[in-house]
Amino acid sequence: MTKYKCTICGWIYDPEAGLPDQGIDPGTPFENISESFRCPECGAKKKWFEKIKD
């Protein structure tokens, strides 16, 4: 599964791990996360994330 990185702080969303404390189950692709998602480290909006090349 494709990981995404916050371009503001560098935090990485790993879909295999999800983000259970924010209600995002393991296995949830980044594309399926709500547009209201914010980076848990810096609060950046979803639009500030970029796909990490495999």
C-alpha atoms as a PDB file:
ATOM      1  CA  MET A   1       0.000   0.000   0.000  1.00  0.00           C
ATOM      2  CA  THR A   2       1.180   3.507  -0.809  1.00  0.00           C
ATOM      3  CA  LYS A   3       2.445   5.738   1.993  1.00  0.00           C
ATOM      4  CA  TYR A   4       1.957   9.501   2.072  1.00  0.00           C
ATOM      5  CA  LYS A   5       4.210  12.129   3.642  1.00  0.00           C
ATOM      6  CA  CYS A   6       3.251  15.493   5.129  1.00  0.00           C
ATOM      7  CA  THR A   7       5.223  18.092   3.183  1.00  0.00           C
ATOM      8  CA  ILE A   8       5.130  20.443   6.167  1.00  0.00           C
ATOM      9  CA  CYS A   9       6.654  18.290   8.931  1.00  0.00           C
ATOM     10  CA  GLY A  10       7.613  14.984   7.276  1.00  0.00           C
ATOM     11  CA  TRP A  11       5.194  12.732   9.205  1.00  0.00           C
ATOM     12  CA  ILE A  12       4.325   9.614   7.192  1.00  0.00           C
ATOM     13  CA  TYR A  13       0.899   8.002   6.941  1.00  0.00           C
ATOM     14  CA  ASP A  14       1.266   4.228   6.654  1.00  0.00           C
ATOM     15  CA  PRO A  15      -2.013   2.680   5.491  1.00  0.00           C
ATOM     16  CA  GLU A  16      -1.014  -0.729   6.848  1.00  0.00           C
ATOM     17  CA  ALA A  17      -0.937   0.759  10.364  1.00  0.00           C
ATOM     18  CA  GLY A  18      -3.808   3.210   9.911  1.00  0.00           C
ATOM     19  CA  LEU A  19      -4.386   5.751  12.660  1.00  0.00           C
ATOM     20  CA  PRO A  20      -6.725   4.017  15.126  1.00  0.00           C
ATOM     21  CA  ASP A  21      -6.674   6.887  17.641  1.00  0.00           C
ATOM     22  CA  GLN A  22      -8.268   9.062  14.914  1.00  0.00           C
ATOM     23  CA  GLY A  23     -10.729   6.347  13.842  1.00  0.00           C
ATOM     24  CA  ILE A  24      -8.748   5.284  10.771  1.00  0.00           C
ATOM     25  CA  ASP A  25      -8.554   1.500  10.679  1.00  0.00           C
ATOM     26  CA  PRO A  26      -5.416  -0.373   9.572  1.00  0.00           C
ATOM     27  CA  GLY A  27      -5.617  -1.082   5.842  1.00  0.00           C
ATOM     28  CA  THR A  28      -7.317   2.244   4.999  1.00  0.00           C
ATOM     29  CA  PRO A  29      -5.804   3.802   1.856  1.00  0.00           C
ATOM     30  CA  PHE A  30      -4.964   7.508   2.140  1.00  0.00           C
ATOM     31  CA  GLU A  31      -7.416   8.243  -0.670  1.00  0.00           C
ATOM     32  CA  ASN A  32     -10.272   6.917   1.508  1.00  0.00           C
ATOM     33  CA  ILE A  33      -9.534   9.223   4.447  1.00  0.00           C
ATOM     34  CA  SER A  34     -11.896  12.164   4.953  1.00  0.00           C
ATOM     35  CA  GLU A  35     -10.893  15.526   3.470  1.00  0.00           C
ATOM     36  CA  SER A  36     -11.120  16.931   7.002  1.00  0.00           C
ATOM     37  CA  PHE A  37      -8.086  14.815   8.012  1.00  0.00           C
ATOM     38  CA  ARG A  38      -5.246  16.743   9.660  1.00  0.00           C
ATOM     39  CA  CYS A  39      -1.652  15.664  10.211  1.00  0.00           C
ATOM     40  CA  PRO A  40      -1.381  14.380  13.788  1.00  0.00           C
ATOM     41  CA  GLU A  41       2.024  16.052  14.194  1.00  0.00           C
ATOM     42  CA  CYS A  42       1.543  19.557  12.772  1.00  0.00           C
ATOM     43  CA  GLY A  43      -2.143  19.880  11.855  1.00  0.00           C
ATOM     44  CA  ALA A  44      -1.564  20.298   8.108  1.00  0.00           C
ATOM     45  CA  LYS A  45      -4.529  19.644   5.817  1.00  0.00           C
ATOM     46  CA  LYS A  46      -4.754  16.491   3.702  1.00  0.00           C
ATOM     47  CA  LYS A  47      -3.871  18.477   0.576  1.00  0.00           C
ATOM     48  CA  TRP A  48      -0.348  19.012   1.962  1.00  0.00           C
ATOM     49  CA  PHE A  49       0.481  15.302   1.755  1.00  0.00           C
ATOM     50  CA  GLU A  50       2.346  13.754  -1.147  1.00  0.00           C
ATOM     51  CA  LYS A  51       2.646  10.180  -2.294  1.00  0.00           C
ATOM     52  CA  ILE A  52       5.933   8.492  -1.457  1.00  0.00           C
ATOM     53  CA  LYS A  53       7.379   6.722  -4.461  1.00  0.00           C
ATOM     54  CA  ASP A  54       7.705   2.973  -4.071  1.00  0.00           C
END
